[in-house]
Protein backbone atom coordinates (compact mmCIF):
# COMPACT_ATOMS: atom_id res chain seq x y z
CA MET A 1 -13.64 -46.20 -19.08
CA ASP A 2 -12.41 -42.62 -18.79
CA ASN A 3 -9.01 -42.38 -17.05
CA ASP A 4 -8.93 -38.58 -16.96
CA LYS A 5 -8.74 -37.47 -13.31
CA ARG A 6 -9.05 -33.75 -13.99
CA ARG A 7 -11.81 -31.88 -12.18
CA THR A 8 -12.70 -29.95 -15.34
CA PRO A 9 -11.82 -30.60 -18.99
CA ARG A 10 -8.89 -28.75 -20.56
CA ASN A 11 -9.30 -26.83 -23.78
CA LEU A 12 -6.60 -25.82 -26.26
CA VAL A 13 -6.25 -22.07 -26.68
CA ALA A 14 -5.32 -20.13 -29.80
CA LYS A 15 -1.63 -20.27 -30.65
CA GLY A 16 0.02 -17.12 -29.37
CA THR A 17 -2.24 -16.70 -26.33
CA ARG A 18 0.01 -14.94 -23.87
CA GLY A 19 -0.07 -13.79 -20.30
CA GLN A 20 2.24 -12.54 -17.60
CA LEU A 21 3.18 -13.85 -14.19
CA LYS A 22 4.05 -11.25 -11.56
CA SER A 23 3.49 -8.65 -14.34
CA THR A 24 7.06 -9.26 -15.57
CA ILE A 25 7.37 -12.93 -16.61
CA PRO A 26 5.88 -13.58 -20.08
CA VAL A 27 4.17 -16.95 -20.62
CA GLU A 28 2.53 -18.64 -23.59
CA ILE A 29 -0.65 -20.41 -22.58
CA LEU A 30 -1.26 -23.79 -24.22
CA ASN A 31 -4.49 -24.97 -22.63
CA LEU A 32 -7.02 -23.83 -20.08
CA SER A 33 -9.80 -25.11 -17.85
CA GLU A 34 -11.91 -23.61 -15.08
CA THR A 35 -9.41 -24.94 -12.54
CA GLY A 36 -5.99 -24.57 -14.18
CA LEU A 37 -3.78 -24.19 -17.22
CA LEU A 38 -0.66 -25.40 -19.01
CA PHE A 39 1.86 -22.81 -20.16
CA GLU A 40 5.40 -22.33 -21.44
CA VAL A 41 7.89 -20.00 -19.81
CA ALA A 42 11.56 -19.08 -20.38
CA SER A 43 12.76 -20.02 -16.88
CA THR A 44 12.03 -22.80 -14.45
CA LEU A 45 9.38 -22.26 -11.77
CA ARG A 46 9.33 -24.01 -8.40
CA PRO A 47 6.31 -26.30 -7.89
CA GLY A 48 4.20 -25.01 -5.01
CA SER A 49 5.05 -21.37 -5.71
CA THR A 50 2.21 -18.97 -6.46
CA TYR A 51 2.07 -16.13 -8.97
CA ASP A 52 -0.39 -13.49 -10.08
CA LEU A 53 -1.43 -14.21 -13.66
CA ASN A 54 -2.77 -11.60 -16.07
CA ALA A 55 -4.06 -12.77 -19.45
CA ILE A 56 -6.83 -12.38 -21.99
CA PHE A 57 -8.75 -15.55 -22.83
CA GLY A 58 -11.15 -15.32 -25.75
CA GLY A 59 -11.37 -11.55 -25.40
CA VAL A 60 -12.08 -11.81 -21.67
CA SER A 61 -9.51 -10.21 -19.37
CA PHE A 62 -8.42 -12.43 -16.49
CA SER A 63 -6.37 -11.75 -13.40
CA GLY A 64 -5.91 -14.37 -10.67
CA LEU A 65 -3.57 -16.42 -8.54
CA VAL A 66 -1.93 -19.58 -9.96
CA ARG A 67 -0.08 -22.26 -7.98
CA VAL A 68 2.58 -24.08 -10.03
CA THR A 69 1.95 -27.83 -9.83
CA ARG A 70 4.81 -28.97 -12.07
CA CYS A 71 7.54 -27.52 -14.27
CA HIS A 72 10.02 -29.29 -16.54
CA ALA A 73 12.12 -28.63 -19.62
CA GLY A 74 9.73 -28.62 -22.55
CA GLY A 75 12.00 -28.22 -25.57
CA PHE A 76 13.69 -25.48 -27.50
CA ALA A 77 12.50 -22.33 -29.23
CA ALA A 78 14.30 -19.99 -31.60
CA ASP A 79 15.80 -16.92 -29.99
CA ASP A 80 16.19 -13.49 -31.58
CA LYS A 81 19.88 -14.14 -32.37
CA GLY A 82 19.36 -17.15 -34.64
CA GLY A 83 20.07 -19.66 -31.88
CA ARG A 84 17.91 -21.80 -29.64
CA ARG A 85 16.80 -21.34 -26.07
CA LEU A 86 15.40 -23.83 -23.60
CA ILE A 87 11.75 -23.39 -22.71
CA TYR A 88 9.93 -24.86 -19.73
CA ARG A 89 6.43 -26.27 -19.62
CA ALA A 90 4.51 -25.67 -16.40
CA GLY A 91 1.12 -26.72 -15.11
CA GLY A 92 -0.77 -24.57 -12.67
CA GLU A 93 -3.98 -24.55 -10.71
CA PHE A 94 -6.03 -21.48 -9.94
CA VAL A 95 -6.31 -20.76 -6.23
CA GLY A 96 -8.70 -18.60 -4.27
CA LEU A 97 -10.68 -17.40 -7.28
CA SER A 98 -13.68 -15.24 -6.57
CA GLU A 99 -17.03 -16.07 -8.09
CA GLN A 100 -16.49 -13.23 -10.58
CA GLN A 101 -13.10 -14.64 -11.67
CA THR A 102 -14.59 -18.12 -12.09
CA LEU A 103 -17.48 -16.70 -14.12
CA GLY A 104 -14.95 -14.87 -16.32
CA LEU A 105 -13.14 -18.14 -17.04
CA ARG A 106 -16.44 -19.88 -17.82
CA LEU A 107 -17.41 -17.04 -20.12
CA ALA A 108 -14.09 -17.17 -21.97
CA LEU A 109 -14.34 -20.94 -22.38
CA SER A 110 -17.98 -20.87 -23.50
CA LYS A 111 -17.46 -17.97 -25.95
CA ARG A 112 -14.57 -19.74 -27.63
CA LEU A 113 -16.31 -23.11 -27.72
CA ALA A 114 -19.61 -21.64 -28.95
CA SER A 115 -17.85 -19.76 -31.75
CA GLY A 116 -15.97 -22.89 -32.84
CA ALA A 117 -12.79 -20.83 -32.55
CA SER A 118 -9.43 -22.22 -31.67
CA LEU A 119 -10.28 -23.46 -28.19
CA LYS A 120 -10.58 -27.22 -28.51
CA ARG A 121 -11.20 -29.85 -25.87
CA LEU A 122 -8.32 -32.22 -25.20
CA PRO A 123 -8.89 -36.00 -25.05
């Protein structure tokens, strides 16, 4: 029996896939589906808040609205001064996407999966 309650399957993205929220907040995207994504960010985000996301998935430019569904401390990363900084892991769902935006996501997911590149389906 499959216990996954997601509407669409998530796929891992290439390490280093980045985007921006509000055109000023850098994020590293960890996985992606047609309905949402998981990403890391340097500061906490309030669940329920919405942000404009700009990113490139599999060579396909994407711009759309994301609602944060959860955000929690996700570990530490090295900073540029030889220390460590706390990073947060946030989940988000796409909201109000146009048909063109949805098609762009599908195209990015299908291109990466068809090429066998670093987008991999999660269990």
